């Protein structure tokens, strides 16, 4: 009986460790230099389609300067609803007095001869 428990315990520990590693790999980011990113860009795009959770960090002289990742998934109409919500927050423009220019076009275009 103890051998069965030890085997079961080892099996559960193995499963837990694999799940832990899988979670760690899920969180890890792939760091690549910019020269490699330029060469591999089509392949990076294809890999992002296959696994959208992957994040590529692009480095220049060992300093992260950019990240390449999949865009967040939006529900249909969510972007438009966000824009409308932002529009409602904006203050309306105050409109001043409008001159009826089209009614008095000659006064605006031509100066009367007697006026100075």
Protein backbone atom coordinates (compact mmCIF):
# COMPACT_ATOMS: atom_id res chain seq x y z
CA UNK A 1 0.00 0.00 0.00
CA UNK A 2 2.73 2.55 0.79
CA UNK A 3 4.31 1.97 -2.64
CA UNK A 4 0.99 2.83 -4.32
CA UNK A 5 0.70 6.02 -2.24
CA UNK A 6 4.26 7.01 -3.06
CA UNK A 7 3.62 6.42 -6.78
CA UNK A 8 0.40 8.39 -6.63
CA UNK A 9 2.14 11.19 -4.74
CA UNK A 10 4.96 11.29 -7.31
CA UNK A 11 2.40 11.33 -10.13
CA UNK A 12 0.49 14.24 -8.56
CA UNK A 13 3.71 16.13 -7.94
CA UNK A 14 4.69 15.66 -11.58
CA UNK A 15 1.33 16.94 -12.79
CA UNK A 16 1.49 19.94 -10.44
CA UNK A 17 5.02 20.74 -11.59
CA UNK A 18 4.02 20.54 -15.26
CA UNK A 19 1.07 22.85 -14.65
CA UNK A 20 3.39 25.24 -12.83
CA UNK A 21 5.84 25.22 -15.74
CA UNK A 22 3.05 25.69 -18.25
CA UNK A 23 1.80 28.72 -16.33
CA UNK A 24 5.32 30.14 -16.11
CA UNK A 25 5.83 29.66 -19.85
CA UNK A 26 2.48 31.37 -20.46
CA UNK A 27 3.67 34.42 -18.54
CA UNK A 28 7.15 34.50 -20.03
CA UNK A 29 7.97 36.89 -22.79
CA UNK A 30 10.25 36.18 -25.71
CA UNK A 31 13.12 38.68 -25.88
CA UNK A 32 14.66 39.21 -29.32
CA UNK A 33 17.10 41.79 -30.68
CA UNK A 34 15.80 44.21 -33.28
CA UNK A 35 17.95 42.74 -36.06
CA UNK A 36 16.40 39.31 -35.48
CA UNK A 37 12.91 40.85 -35.25
CA UNK A 38 13.39 42.44 -38.67
CA UNK A 39 14.43 39.12 -40.20
CA UNK A 40 11.72 37.07 -38.50
CA UNK A 41 8.77 39.51 -38.62
CA UNK A 42 6.55 37.40 -40.93
CA UNK A 43 7.20 34.35 -38.75
CA UNK A 44 6.47 36.35 -35.59
CA UNK A 45 3.13 37.46 -37.01
CA UNK A 46 2.23 33.87 -37.90
CA UNK A 47 3.17 32.67 -34.42
CA UNK A 48 0.99 35.39 -32.86
CA UNK A 49 -1.97 34.07 -34.84
CA UNK A 50 -1.34 30.58 -33.46
CA UNK A 51 -0.74 31.66 -29.86
CA UNK A 52 -2.13 35.16 -29.22
CA UNK A 53 -0.91 35.18 -25.61
CA UNK A 54 2.74 35.35 -26.70
CA UNK A 55 4.55 38.66 -26.26
CA UNK A 56 7.80 39.48 -28.05
CA UNK A 57 10.04 42.10 -26.47
CA UNK A 58 12.31 43.81 -28.97
CA UNK A 59 15.66 45.04 -27.64
CA UNK A 60 18.26 47.51 -28.85
CA UNK A 61 21.62 47.18 -27.06
CA UNK A 62 19.98 44.88 -24.47
CA UNK A 63 17.30 47.48 -23.62
CA UNK A 64 13.64 46.68 -24.29
CA UNK A 65 12.28 49.33 -26.65
CA UNK A 66 9.11 47.69 -28.01
CA UNK A 67 6.67 44.84 -27.58
CA UNK A 68 4.96 42.91 -30.34
CA UNK A 69 1.72 41.28 -29.24
CA UNK A 70 -1.76 40.48 -30.46
CA UNK A 71 -4.35 43.22 -30.13
CA UNK A 72 -6.98 42.78 -27.44
CA UNK A 73 -10.09 40.97 -28.60
CA UNK A 74 -13.02 43.38 -28.89
CA UNK A 75 -16.66 42.45 -29.09
CA UNK A 76 -18.50 43.78 -32.15
CA UNK A 77 -19.54 47.38 -31.51
CA UNK A 78 -17.38 47.77 -28.41
CA UNK A 79 -15.00 50.26 -30.05
CA UNK A 80 -17.87 52.39 -31.38
CA UNK A 81 -19.54 52.38 -27.96
CA UNK A 82 -16.28 53.54 -26.38
CA UNK A 83 -15.96 56.39 -28.88
CA UNK A 84 -19.55 57.51 -28.24
CA UNK A 85 -18.95 57.42 -24.51
CA UNK A 86 -15.85 59.61 -24.92
CA UNK A 87 -17.79 62.01 -27.17
CA UNK A 88 -20.46 62.49 -24.49
CA UNK A 89 -17.78 63.50 -21.98
CA UNK A 90 -16.53 66.33 -24.22
CA UNK A 91 -17.92 69.79 -23.54
CA UNK A 92 -20.07 71.18 -26.33
CA UNK A 93 -18.52 74.00 -28.31
CA UNK A 94 -19.96 77.42 -27.72
CA UNK A 95 -21.06 78.97 -30.93
CA UNK A 96 -20.85 82.71 -31.20
CA UNK A 97 -23.00 85.15 -33.09
CA UNK A 98 -23.10 84.35 -36.76
CA UNK A 99 -23.01 87.16 -39.27
CA UNK A 100 -25.41 86.82 -42.17
CA UNK A 101 -22.64 87.22 -44.75
CA UNK A 102 -24.59 85.71 -47.62
CA UNK A 103 -27.36 88.27 -47.15
CA UNK A 104 -24.95 91.22 -47.18
CA UNK A 105 -22.37 89.95 -49.63
CA UNK A 106 -21.82 93.25 -51.41
CA UNK A 107 -21.05 95.06 -48.14
CA UNK A 108 -18.41 92.46 -47.26
CA UNK A 109 -16.79 92.28 -50.68
CA UNK A 110 -16.91 95.86 -51.89
CA UNK A 111 -16.04 98.96 -49.94
CA UNK A 112 -18.38 101.86 -50.52
CA UNK A 113 -16.73 104.79 -52.27
CA UNK A 114 -17.87 107.37 -49.80
CA UNK A 115 -16.65 105.52 -46.68
CA UNK A 116 -13.13 106.08 -45.30
